[in-house]
């Protein structure tokens, strides 16, 4: 998902709205506001906002979520600004407890 072909622009994440599911059960919903500037090093800019969603919005829930090893699904809409262009990026990420443990090794999960 490339916002613009010019990789020299930084990305400003203006807001992130997310929902977390396990199967059909909704585990949580949230929104993160406030400008976060990301130095753009790749055209796959959604990876950093995904990490921000997890770090800022879900850290308190992670140990309980990992107790059940069934897959979790994260659905998010990220409003980003690159240069003068604003764009909403929608994505769904499915991951396992093991994947979360790899993202946050300091928790020893």
PDB file of N, CA and C in Angstrom:
ATOM      1  N   UNK A   1       0.841  -1.174   0.000  1.00  0.00           N
ATOM      2  CA  UNK A   1       0.000   0.000   0.000  1.00  0.00           C
ATOM      3  C   UNK A   1       0.885   1.236   0.000  1.00  0.00           C
ATOM      4  N   UNK A   2       1.088   1.801  -1.122  1.00  0.00           N
ATOM      5  CA  UNK A   2       1.980   2.942  -1.252  1.00  0.00           C
ATOM      6  C   UNK A   2       1.154   4.213  -1.305  1.00  0.00           C
ATOM      7  N   UNK A   3       1.455   5.147  -0.412  1.00  0.00           N
ATOM      8  CA  UNK A   3       0.733   6.411  -0.389  1.00  0.00           C
ATOM      9  C   UNK A   3       1.218   7.285  -1.539  1.00  0.00           C
ATOM     10  N   UNK A   4       2.500   7.312  -1.762  1.00  0.00           N
ATOM     11  CA  UNK A   4       3.080   8.060  -2.868  1.00  0.00           C
ATOM     12  C   UNK A   4       4.361   7.355  -3.283  1.00  0.00           C
ATOM     13  N   UNK A   5       4.795   7.560  -4.501  1.00  0.00           N
ATOM     14  CA  UNK A   5       6.015   6.906  -4.963  1.00  0.00           C
ATOM     15  C   UNK A   5       7.266   7.574  -4.416  1.00  0.00           C
ATOM     16  N   UNK A   6       7.139   8.758  -3.871  1.00  0.00           N
ATOM     17  CA  UNK A   6       8.285   9.483  -3.340  1.00  0.00           C
ATOM     18  C   UNK A   6       8.570   9.008  -1.922  1.00  0.00           C
ATOM     19  N   UNK A   7       9.607   8.198  -1.763  1.00  0.00           N
ATOM     20  CA  UNK A   7       9.918   7.643  -0.445  1.00  0.00           C
ATOM     21  C   UNK A   7      10.652   8.636   0.450  1.00  0.00           C
ATOM     22  N   UNK A   8      10.929   9.845  -0.058  1.00  0.00           N
ATOM     23  CA  UNK A   8      11.648  10.813   0.767  1.00  0.00           C
ATOM     24  C   UNK A   8      10.746  11.482   1.797  1.00  0.00           C
ATOM     25  N   UNK A   9       9.425  11.439   1.590  1.00  0.00           N
ATOM     26  CA  UNK A   9       8.515  12.060   2.547  1.00  0.00           C
ATOM     27  C   UNK A   9       8.386  11.213   3.797  1.00  0.00           C
ATOM     28  N   UNK A  10       8.285  11.877   4.930  1.00  0.00           N
ATOM     29  CA  UNK A  10       7.933  11.168   6.152  1.00  0.00           C
ATOM     30  C   UNK A  10       6.445  10.872   6.136  1.00  0.00           C
ATOM     31  N   UNK A  11       6.045   9.911   6.941  1.00  0.00           N
ATOM     32  CA  UNK A  11       4.634   9.565   7.073  1.00  0.00           C
ATOM     33  C   UNK A  11       4.158  10.102   8.404  1.00  0.00           C
ATOM     34  N   UNK A  12       3.044  10.800   8.399  1.00  0.00           N
ATOM     35  CA  UNK A  12       2.416  11.236   9.640  1.00  0.00           C
ATOM     36  C   UNK A  12       1.186  10.380   9.857  1.00  0.00           C
ATOM     37  N   UNK A  13       1.163   9.644  10.954  1.00  0.00           N
ATOM     38  CA  UNK A  13      -0.013   8.861  11.304  1.00  0.00           C
ATOM     39  C   UNK A  13      -0.908   9.777  12.120  1.00  0.00           C
ATOM     40  N   UNK A  14      -2.082  10.102  11.595  1.00  0.00           N
ATOM     41  CA  UNK A  14      -2.973  11.048  12.257  1.00  0.00           C
ATOM     42  C   UNK A  14      -3.924  10.355  13.223  1.00  0.00           C
ATOM     43  N   UNK A  15      -4.372   9.153  12.876  1.00  0.00           N
ATOM     44  CA  UNK A  15      -5.242   8.403  13.787  1.00  0.00           C
ATOM     45  C   UNK A  15      -5.249   6.935  13.391  1.00  0.00           C
ATOM     46  N   UNK A  16      -5.530   6.086  14.367  1.00  0.00           N
ATOM     47  CA  UNK A  16      -5.667   4.650  14.138  1.00  0.00           C
ATOM     48  C   UNK A  16      -6.921   4.196  14.867  1.00  0.00           C
ATOM     49  N   UNK A  17      -7.849   3.606  14.146  1.00  0.00           N
ATOM     50  CA  UNK A  17      -9.042   2.999  14.747  1.00  0.00           C
ATOM     51  C   UNK A  17      -8.909   1.500  14.559  1.00  0.00           C
ATOM     52  N   UNK A  18      -9.106   0.735  15.635  1.00  0.00           N
ATOM     53  CA  UNK A  18      -8.908  -0.703  15.504  1.00  0.00           C
ATOM     54  C   UNK A  18      -9.950  -1.504  16.266  1.00  0.00           C
ATOM     55  N   UNK A  19     -10.113  -2.746  15.833  1.00  0.00           N
ATOM     56  CA  UNK A  19     -10.956  -3.735  16.508  1.00  0.00           C
ATOM     57  C   UNK A  19     -10.152  -5.023  16.573  1.00  0.00           C
ATOM     58  N   UNK A  20     -10.265  -5.729  17.683  1.00  0.00           N
ATOM     59  CA  UNK A  20      -9.549  -6.981  17.871  1.00  0.00           C
ATOM     60  C   UNK A  20     -10.560  -8.100  18.075  1.00  0.00           C
ATOM     61  N   UNK A  21     -10.398  -9.178  17.324  1.00  0.00           N
ATOM     62  CA  UNK A  21     -11.337 -10.299  17.371  1.00  0.00           C
ATOM     63  C   UNK A  21     -10.602 -11.603  17.650  1.00  0.00           C
ATOM     64  N   UNK A  22     -11.287 -12.523  18.298  1.00  0.00           N
ATOM     65  CA  UNK A  22     -10.867 -13.930  18.357  1.00  0.00           C
ATOM     66  C   UNK A  22     -12.058 -14.696  17.823  1.00  0.00           C
ATOM     67  N   UNK A  23     -11.917 -15.241  16.619  1.00  0.00           N
ATOM     68  CA  UNK A  23     -13.065 -15.839  15.952  1.00  0.00           C
ATOM     69  C   UNK A  23     -14.084 -14.744  15.680  1.00  0.00           C
ATOM     70  N   UNK A  24     -15.326 -14.953  16.105  1.00  0.00           N
ATOM     71  CA  UNK A  24     -16.365 -13.936  15.912  1.00  0.00           C
ATOM     72  C   UNK A  24     -16.536 -13.057  17.138  1.00  0.00           C
ATOM     73  N   UNK A  25     -15.796 -13.361  18.211  1.00  0.00           N
ATOM     74  CA  UNK A  25     -15.921 -12.587  19.448  1.00  0.00           C
ATOM     75  C   UNK A  25     -15.043 -11.338  19.380  1.00  0.00           C
ATOM     76  N   UNK A  26     -15.654 -10.183  19.583  1.00  0.00           N
ATOM     77  CA  UNK A  26     -14.902  -8.935  19.598  1.00  0.00           C
ATOM     78  C   UNK A  26     -14.282  -8.770  20.979  1.00  0.00           C
ATOM     79  N   UNK A  27     -12.950  -8.684  21.024  1.00  0.00           N
ATOM     80  CA  UNK A  27     -12.233  -8.574  22.294  1.00  0.00           C
ATOM     81  C   UNK A  27     -11.993  -7.132  22.703  1.00  0.00           C
ATOM     82  N   UNK A  28     -11.892  -6.257  21.728  1.00  0.00           N
ATOM     83  CA  UNK A  28     -11.615  -4.876  22.081  1.00  0.00           C
ATOM     84  C   UNK A  28     -11.744  -3.961  20.888  1.00  0.00           C
ATOM     85  N   UNK A  29     -11.925  -2.697  21.195  1.00  0.00           N
ATOM     86  CA  UNK A  29     -12.088  -1.663  20.188  1.00  0.00           C
ATOM     87  C   UNK A  29     -11.367  -0.443  20.718  1.00  0.00           C
ATOM     88  N   UNK A  30     -10.758   0.318  19.853  1.00  0.00           N
ATOM     89  CA  UNK A  30     -10.076   1.497  20.350  1.00  0.00           C
ATOM     90  C   UNK A  30      -9.700   2.449  19.245  1.00  0.00           C
ATOM     91  N   UNK A  31      -9.204   3.589  19.662  1.00  0.00           N
ATOM     92  CA  UNK A  31      -8.770   4.613  18.733  1.00  0.00           C
ATOM     93  C   UNK A  31      -7.559   5.306  19.333  1.00  0.00           C
ATOM     94  N   UNK A  32      -6.580   5.546  18.517  1.00  0.00           N
ATOM     95  CA  UNK A  32      -5.398   6.275  18.947  1.00  0.00           C
ATOM     96  C   UNK A  32      -5.324   7.541  18.107  1.00  0.00           C
ATOM     97  N   UNK A  33      -5.281   8.683  18.761  1.00  0.00           N
ATOM     98  CA  UNK A  33      -5.190   9.953  18.053  1.00  0.00           C
ATOM     99  C   UNK A  33      -3.873  10.619  18.410  1.00  0.00           C
ATOM    100  N   UNK A  34      -3.558  11.640  17.678  1.00  0.00           N
ATOM    101  CA  UNK A  34      -2.320  12.354  17.924  1.00  0.00           C
ATOM    102  C   UNK A  34      -1.348  12.039  16.806  1.00  0.00           C
ATOM    103  N   UNK A  35      -0.589  13.021  16.421  1.00  0.00           N
ATOM    104  CA  UNK A  35       0.287  12.873  15.274  1.00  0.00           C
ATOM    105  C   UNK A  35       1.539  12.089  15.658  1.00  0.00           C
ATOM    106  N   UNK A  36       1.832  11.071  14.889  1.00  0.00           N
ATOM    107  CA  UNK A  36       3.051  10.292  15.053  1.00  0.00           C
ATOM    108  C   UNK A  36       3.772  10.380  13.718  1.00  0.00           C
ATOM    109  N   UNK A  37       5.016  10.830  13.718  1.00  0.00           N
ATOM    110  CA  UNK A  37       5.767  10.940  12.471  1.00  0.00           C
ATOM    111  C   UNK A  37       6.709   9.756  12.354  1.00  0.00           C
ATOM    112  N   UNK A  38       6.706   9.133  11.203  1.00  0.00           N
ATOM    113  CA  UNK A  38       7.523   7.955  10.951  1.00  0.00           C
ATOM    114  C   UNK A  38       8.448   8.262   9.785  1.00  0.00           C
ATOM    115  N   UNK A  39       9.747   8.044   9.978  1.00  0.00           N
ATOM    116  CA  UNK A  39      10.677   8.192   8.866  1.00  0.00           C
ATOM    117  C   UNK A  39      10.411   7.039   7.905  1.00  0.00           C
ATOM    118  N   UNK A  40      10.135   7.353   6.698  1.00  0.00           N
ATOM    119  CA  UNK A  40       9.717   6.330   5.732  1.00  0.00           C
ATOM    120  C   UNK A  40      10.933   5.653   5.123  1.00  0.00           C
ATOM    121  N   UNK A  41      11.040   4.353   5.343  1.00  0.00           N
ATOM    122  CA  UNK A  41      12.161   3.599   4.799  1.00  0.00           C
ATOM    123  C   UNK A  41      11.695   2.544   3.811  1.00  0.00           C
ATOM    124  N   UNK A  42      10.385   2.374   3.701  1.00  0.00           N
ATOM    125  CA  UNK A  42       9.860   1.321   2.837  1.00  0.00           C
ATOM    126  C   UNK A  42       8.470   1.703   2.385  1.00  0.00           C
ATOM    127  N   UNK A  43       8.012   1.068   1.334  1.00  0.00           N
ATOM    128  CA  UNK A  43       6.663   1.351   0.859  1.00  0.00           C
ATOM    129  C   UNK A  43       5.619   0.595   1.666  1.00  0.00           C
ATOM    130  N   UNK A  44       6.050  -0.267   2.592  1.00  0.00           N
ATOM    131  CA  UNK A  44       5.101  -1.046   3.396  1.00  0.00           C
ATOM    132  C   UNK A  44       4.870  -0.329   4.720  1.00  0.00           C
ATOM    133  N   UNK A  45       4.379   0.891   4.634  1.00  0.00           N
ATOM    134  CA  UNK A  45       4.284   1.750   5.815  1.00  0.00           C
ATOM    135  C   UNK A  45       3.290   1.273   6.850  1.00  0.00           C
ATOM    136  N   UNK A  46       2.392   0.354   6.513  1.00  0.00           N
ATOM    137  CA  UNK A  46       1.400  -0.085   7.489  1.00  0.00           C
ATOM    138  C   UNK A  46       2.017  -0.930   8.586  1.00  0.00           C
ATOM    139  N   UNK A  47       3.211  -1.484   8.403  1.00  0.00           N
ATOM    140  CA  UNK A  47       3.811  -2.338   9.421  1.00  0.00           C
ATOM    141  C   UNK A  47       4.111  -1.563  10.694  1.00  0.00           C
ATOM    142  N   UNK A  48       4.592  -0.340  10.567  1.00  0.00           N
ATOM    143  CA  UNK A  48       4.907   0.450  11.762  1.00  0.00           C
ATOM    144  C   UNK A  48       3.639   0.859  12.498  1.00  0.00           C
ATOM    145  N   UNK A  49       2.600   1.361  11.809  1.00  0.00           N
ATOM    146  CA  UNK A  49       1.357   1.638  12.538  1.00  0.00           C
ATOM    147  C   UNK A  49       0.773   0.405  13.220  1.00  0.00           C
ATOM    148  N   UNK A  50       0.918  -0.772  12.629  1.00  0.00           N
ATOM    149  CA  UNK A  50       0.429  -1.982  13.284  1.00  0.00           C
ATOM    150  C   UNK A  50       1.140  -2.175  14.611  1.00  0.00           C
ATOM    151  N   UNK A  51       2.438  -2.004  14.623  1.00  0.00           N
ATOM    152  CA  UNK A  51       3.204  -2.137  15.865  1.00  0.00           C
ATOM    153  C   UNK A  51       2.749  -1.079  16.878  1.00  0.00           C
ATOM    154  N   UNK A  52       2.468   0.145  16.398  1.00  0.00           N
ATOM    155  CA  UNK A  52       2.005   1.197  17.308  1.00  0.00           C
ATOM    156  C   UNK A  52       0.654   0.845  17.916  1.00  0.00           C
ATOM    157  N   UNK A  53      -0.237   0.263  17.117  1.00  0.00           N
ATOM    158  CA  UNK A  53      -1.534  -0.160  17.647  1.00  0.00           C
ATOM    159  C   UNK A  53      -1.309  -1.133  18.788  1.00  0.00           C
ATOM    160  N   UNK A  54      -0.455  -2.103  18.566  1.00  0.00           N
ATOM    161  CA  UNK A  54      -0.211  -3.116  19.589  1.00  0.00           C
ATOM    162  C   UNK A  54       0.460  -2.516  20.814  1.00  0.00           C
ATOM    163  N   UNK A  55       1.491  -1.708  20.594  1.00  0.00           N
ATOM    164  CA  UNK A  55       2.246  -1.170  21.720  1.00  0.00           C
ATOM    165  C   UNK A  55       1.424  -0.199  22.556  1.00  0.00           C
ATOM    166  N   UNK A  56       0.700   0.698  21.905  1.00  0.00           N
ATOM    167  CA  UNK A  56       0.001   1.749  22.644  1.00  0.00           C
ATOM    168  C   UNK A  56      -1.405   1.357  23.068  1.00  0.00           C
ATOM    169  N   UNK A  57      -2.040   0.441  22.327  1.00  0.00           N
ATOM    170  CA  UNK A  57      -3.433   0.144  22.605  1.00  0.00           C
ATOM    171  C   UNK A  57      -3.719  -1.178  23.270  1.00  0.00           C
ATOM    172  N   UNK A  58      -2.800  -2.156  23.136  1.00  0.00           N
ATOM    173  CA  UNK A  58      -3.146  -3.506  23.553  1.00  0.00           C
ATOM    174  C   UNK A  58      -2.185  -4.124  24.565  1.00  0.00           C
ATOM    175  N   UNK A  59      -1.137  -3.428  24.949  1.00  0.00           N
ATOM    176  CA  UNK A  59      -0.132  -4.041  25.824  1.00  0.00           C
ATOM    177  C   UNK A  59      -0.726  -4.591  27.108  1.00  0.00           C
ATOM    178  N   UNK A  60      -1.688  -3.885  27.686  1.00  0.00           N
ATOM    179  CA  UNK A  60      -2.245  -4.333  28.964  1.00  0.00           C
ATOM    180  C   UNK A  60      -3.049  -5.618  28.810  1.00  0.00           C
ATOM    181  N   UNK A  61      -3.496  -5.926  27.585  1.00  0.00           N
ATOM    182  CA  UNK A  61      -4.334  -7.101  27.371  1.00  0.00           C
ATOM    183  C   UNK A  61      -3.549  -8.306  26.876  1.00  0.00           C
ATOM    184  N   UNK A  62      -2.320  -8.107  26.456  1.00  0.00           N
ATOM    185  CA  UNK A  62      -1.595  -9.183  25.782  1.00  0.00           C
ATOM    186  C   UNK A  62      -1.457 -10.459  26.613  1.00  0.00           C
ATOM    187  N   UNK A  63      -1.029 -10.426  27.881  1.00  0.00           N
ATOM    188  CA  UNK A  63      -0.878 -11.695  28.608  1.00  0.00           C
ATOM    189  C   UNK A  63      -2.171 -12.502  28.659  1.00  0.00           C
ATOM    190  N   UNK A  64      -3.300 -11.852  28.886  1.00  0.00           N
ATOM    191  CA  UNK A  64      -4.578 -12.564  28.938  1.00  0.00           C
ATOM    192  C   UNK A  64      -4.937 -13.115  27.558  1.00  0.00           C
ATOM    193  N   UNK A  65      -4.655 -12.357  26.515  1.00  0.00           N
ATOM    194  CA  UNK A  65      -4.984 -12.816  25.169  1.00  0.00           C
ATOM    195  C   UNK A  65      -4.146 -14.023  24.771  1.00  0.00           C
ATOM    196  N   UNK A  66      -2.913 -14.083  25.274  1.00  0.00           N
ATOM    197  CA  UNK A  66      -2.033 -15.181  24.898  1.00  0.00           C
ATOM    198  C   UNK A  66      -2.361 -16.471  25.626  1.00  0.00           C
ATOM    199  N   UNK A  67      -3.145 -16.401  26.688  1.00  0.00           N
ATOM    200  CA  UNK A  67      -3.496 -17.613  27.430  1.00  0.00           C
ATOM    201  C   UNK A  67      -4.234 -18.595  26.525  1.00  0.00           C
ATOM    202  N   UNK A  68      -5.009 -18.089  25.605  1.00  0.00           N
ATOM    203  CA  UNK A  68      -5.699 -18.907  24.613  1.00  0.00           C
ATOM    204  C   UNK A  68      -4.916 -18.746  23.309  1.00  0.00           C
ATOM    205  N   UNK A  69      -4.408 -19.838  22.769  1.00  0.00           N
ATOM    206  CA  UNK A  69      -3.511 -19.735  21.613  1.00  0.00           C
ATOM    207  C   UNK A  69      -4.228 -19.690  20.272  1.00  0.00           C
ATOM    208  N   UNK A  70      -5.555 -19.546  20.276  1.00  0.00           N
ATOM    209  CA  UNK A  70      -6.242 -19.447  18.991  1.00  0.00           C
ATOM    210  C   UNK A  70      -5.886 -18.110  18.336  1.00  0.00           C
ATOM    211  N   UNK A  71      -5.947 -18.042  17.013  1.00  0.00           N
ATOM    212  CA  UNK A  71      -5.526 -16.829  16.310  1.00  0.00           C
ATOM    213  C   UNK A  71      -6.347 -15.598  16.694  1.00  0.00           C
ATOM    214  N   UNK A  72      -5.688 -14.459  16.671  1.00  0.00           N
ATOM    215  CA  UNK A  72      -6.329 -13.166  16.893  1.00  0.00           C
ATOM    216  C   UNK A  72      -6.369 -12.429  15.560  1.00  0.00           C
ATOM    217  N   UNK A  73      -7.407 -11.631  15.370  1.00  0.00           N
ATOM    218  CA  UNK A  73      -7.530 -10.845  14.145  1.00  0.00           C
ATOM    219  C   UNK A  73      -7.628  -9.377  14.520  1.00  0.00           C
ATOM    220  N   UNK A  74      -6.755  -8.585  13.940  1.00  0.00           N
ATOM    221  CA  UNK A  74      -6.751  -7.148  14.168  1.00  0.00           C
ATOM    222  C   UNK A  74      -7.227  -6.473  12.893  1.00  0.00           C
ATOM    223  N   UNK A  75      -8.282  -5.656  12.994  1.00  0.00           N
ATOM    224  CA  UNK A  75      -8.767  -4.870  11.863  1.00  0.00           C
ATOM    225  C   UNK A  75      -8.527  -3.411  12.218  1.00  0.00           C
ATOM    226  N   UNK A  76      -7.905  -2.681  11.312  1.00  0.00           N
ATOM    227  CA  UNK A  76      -7.590  -1.292  11.619  1.00  0.00           C
ATOM    228  C   UNK A  76      -7.786  -0.405  10.399  1.00  0.00           C
ATOM    229  N   UNK A  77      -8.079   0.856  10.685  1.00  0.00           N
ATOM    230  CA  UNK A  77      -8.120   1.899   9.666  1.00  0.00           C
ATOM    231  C   UNK A  77      -7.152   2.976  10.139  1.00  0.00           C
ATOM    232  N   UNK A  78      -6.162   3.257   9.320  1.00  0.00           N
ATOM    233  CA  UNK A  78      -5.120   4.210   9.687  1.00  0.00           C
ATOM    234  C   UNK A  78      -5.223   5.407   8.755  1.00  0.00           C
ATOM    235  N   UNK A  79      -5.308   6.596   9.326  1.00  0.00           N
ATOM    236  CA  UNK A  79      -5.293   7.819   8.522  1.00  0.00           C
ATOM    237  C   UNK A  79      -3.852   8.323   8.503  1.00  0.00           C
ATOM    238  N   UNK A  80      -3.252   8.345   7.320  1.00  0.00           N
ATOM    239  CA  UNK A  80      -1.867   8.780   7.191  1.00  0.00           C
ATOM    240  C   UNK A  80      -1.788   9.994   6.270  1.00  0.00           C
ATOM    241  N   UNK A  81      -0.736  10.763   6.466  1.00  0.00           N
ATOM    242  CA  UNK A  81      -0.465  11.909   5.603  1.00  0.00           C
ATOM    243  C   UNK A  81       0.982  11.796   5.142  1.00  0.00           C
ATOM    244  N   UNK A  82       1.171  11.843   3.838  1.00  0.00           N
ATOM    245  CA  UNK A  82       2.507  11.823   3.256  1.00  0.00           C
ATOM    246  C   UNK A  82       2.596  13.021   2.329  1.00  0.00           C
ATOM    247  N   UNK A  83       3.482  13.939   2.655  1.00  0.00           N
ATOM    248  CA  UNK A  83       3.525  15.169   1.875  1.00  0.00           C
ATOM    249  C   UNK A  83       2.204  15.895   2.025  1.00  0.00           C
ATOM    250  N   UNK A  84       1.530  16.183   0.924  1.00  0.00           N
ATOM    251  CA  UNK A  84       0.235  16.860   0.964  1.00  0.00           C
ATOM    252  C   UNK A  84      -0.932  15.888   0.853  1.00  0.00           C
ATOM    253  N   UNK A  85      -0.643  14.613   0.667  1.00  0.00           N
ATOM    254  CA  UNK A  85      -1.674  13.612   0.427  1.00  0.00           C
ATOM    255  C   UNK A  85      -2.099  12.921   1.718  1.00  0.00           C
ATOM    256  N   UNK A  86      -3.419  12.868   1.961  1.00  0.00           N
ATOM    257  CA  UNK A  86      -3.963  12.101   3.086  1.00  0.00           C
ATOM    258  C   UNK A  86      -4.640  10.860   2.529  1.00  0.00           C
ATOM    259  N   UNK A  87      -4.490   9.761   3.236  1.00  0.00           N
ATOM    260  CA  UNK A  87      -5.085   8.516   2.762  1.00  0.00           C
ATOM    261  C   UNK A  87      -5.445   7.635   3.946  1.00  0.00           C
ATOM    262  N   UNK A  88      -6.568   6.932   3.824  1.00  0.00           N
ATOM    263  CA  UNK A  88      -6.963   5.935   4.824  1.00  0.00           C
ATOM    264  C   UNK A  88      -6.495   4.569   4.343  1.00  0.00           C
ATOM    265  N   UNK A  89      -5.811   3.866   5.216  1.00  0.00           N
ATOM    266  CA  UNK A  89      -5.341   2.524   4.905  1.00  0.00           C
ATOM    267  C   UNK A  89      -6.141   1.559   5.767  1.00  0.00           C
ATOM    268  N   UNK A  90      -6.823   0.623   5.134  1.00  0.00           N
ATOM    269  CA  UNK A  90      -7.568  -0.408   5.864  1.00  0.00           C
ATOM    270  C   UNK A  90      -6.796  -1.710   5.742  1.00  0.00           C
ATOM    271  N   UNK A  91      -6.677  -2.418   6.833  1.00  0.00           N
ATOM    272  CA  UNK A  91      -6.063  -3.729   6.733  1.00  0.00           C
ATOM    273  C   UNK A  91      -6.558  -4.647   7.833  1.00  0.00           C
ATOM    274  N   UNK A  92      -6.396  -5.927   7.583  1.00  0.00           N
ATOM    275  CA  UNK A  92      -6.708  -6.961   8.559  1.00  0.00           C
ATOM    276  C   UNK A  92      -5.448  -7.784   8.749  1.00  0.00           C
ATOM    277  N   UNK A  93      -5.092  -8.027   9.975  1.00  0.00           N
ATOM    278  CA  UNK A  93      -3.912  -8.827  10.286  1.00  0.00           C
ATOM    279  C   UNK A  93      -4.341  -9.964  11.202  1.00  0.00           C
ATOM    280  N   UNK A  94      -4.026 -11.188  10.832  1.00  0.00           N
ATOM    281  CA  UNK A  94      -4.312 -12.338  11.684  1.00  0.00           C
ATOM    282  C   UNK A  94      -2.978 -12.839  12.210  1.00  0.00           C
ATOM    283  N   UNK A  95      -2.886 -13.029  13.509  1.00  0.00           N
ATOM    284  CA  UNK A  95      -1.629 -13.481  14.092  1.00  0.00           C
ATOM    285  C   UNK A  95      -1.909 -14.389  15.278  1.00  0.00           C
ATOM    286  N   UNK A  96      -0.891 -15.147  15.640  1.00  0.00           N
ATOM    287  CA  UNK A  96      -1.019 -16.101  16.742  1.00  0.00           C
ATOM    288  C   UNK A  96      -0.349 -15.541  17.985  1.00  0.00           C
ATOM    289  N   UNK A  97      -0.531 -16.208  19.092  1.00  0.00           N
ATOM    290  CA  UNK A  97       0.137 -15.813  20.326  1.00  0.00           C
ATOM    291  C   UNK A  97       1.645 -15.823  20.174  1.00  0.00           C
ATOM    292  N   UNK A  98       2.158 -16.776  19.395  1.00  0.00           N
ATOM    293  CA  UNK A  98       3.601 -16.854  19.184  1.00  0.00           C
ATOM    294  C   UNK A  98       4.107 -15.601  18.471  1.00  0.00           C
ATOM    295  N   UNK A  99       3.331 -15.099  17.516  1.00  0.00           N
ATOM    296  CA  UNK A  99       3.733 -13.891  16.789  1.00  0.00           C
ATOM    297  C   UNK A  99       3.779 -12.691  17.720  1.00  0.00           C
ATOM    298  N   UNK A 100       2.820 -12.594  18.640  1.00  0.00           N
ATOM    299  CA  UNK A 100       2.844 -11.488  19.597  1.00  0.00           C
ATOM    300  C   UNK A 100       4.054 -11.593  20.500  1.00  0.00           C
ATOM    301  N   UNK A 101       4.391 -12.801  20.908  1.00  0.00           N
ATOM    302  CA  UNK A 101       5.566 -12.998  21.746  1.00  0.00           C
ATOM    303  C   UNK A 101       6.837 -12.551  21.046  1.00  0.00           C
ATOM    304  N   UNK A 102       6.892 -12.760  19.729  1.00  0.00           N
ATOM    305  CA  UNK A 102       8.056 -12.312  18.967  1.00  0.00           C
ATOM    306  C   UNK A 102       8.108 -10.792  18.886  1.00  0.00           C
ATOM    307  N   UNK A 103       6.942 -10.148  18.816  1.00  0.00           N
ATOM    308  CA  UNK A 103       6.919  -8.684  18.765  1.00  0.00           C
ATOM    309  C   UNK A 103       7.363  -8.078  20.089  1.00  0.00           C
ATOM    310  N   UNK A 104       7.040  -8.760  21.178  1.00  0.00           N
ATOM    311  CA  UNK A 104       7.311  -8.214  22.503  1.00  0.00           C
ATOM    312  C   UNK A 104       8.138  -9.187  23.335  1.00  0.00           C
ATOM    313  N   UNK A 105       9.386  -9.474  22.929  1.00  0.00           N
ATOM    314  CA  UNK A 105      10.195 -10.451  23.659  1.00  0.00           C
ATOM    315  C   UNK A 105      10.496 -10.017  25.088  1.00  0.00           C
ATOM    316  N   UNK A 106      10.457  -8.711  25.361  1.00  0.00           N
ATOM    317  CA  UNK A 106      10.758  -8.233  26.714  1.00  0.00           C
ATOM    318  C   UNK A 106       9.725  -8.700  27.728  1.00  0.00           C
ATOM    319  N   UNK A 107       8.553  -9.127  27.254  1.00  0.00           N
ATOM    320  CA  UNK A 107       7.530  -9.615  28.171  1.00  0.00           C
ATOM    321  C   UNK A 107       7.728 -11.089  28.494  1.00  0.00           C
ATOM    322  N   UNK A 108       8.686 -11.738  27.818  1.00  0.00           N
ATOM    323  CA  UNK A 108       8.942 -13.146  28.055  1.00  0.00           C
ATOM    324  C   UNK A 108       7.762 -14.026  27.725  1.00  0.00           C
ATOM    325  N   UNK A 109       6.985 -13.662  26.727  1.00  0.00           N
ATOM    326  CA  UNK A 109       5.776 -14.423  26.396  1.00  0.00           C
ATOM    327  C   UNK A 109       6.109 -15.565  25.453  1.00  0.00           C
TER     328      UNK A 109
END
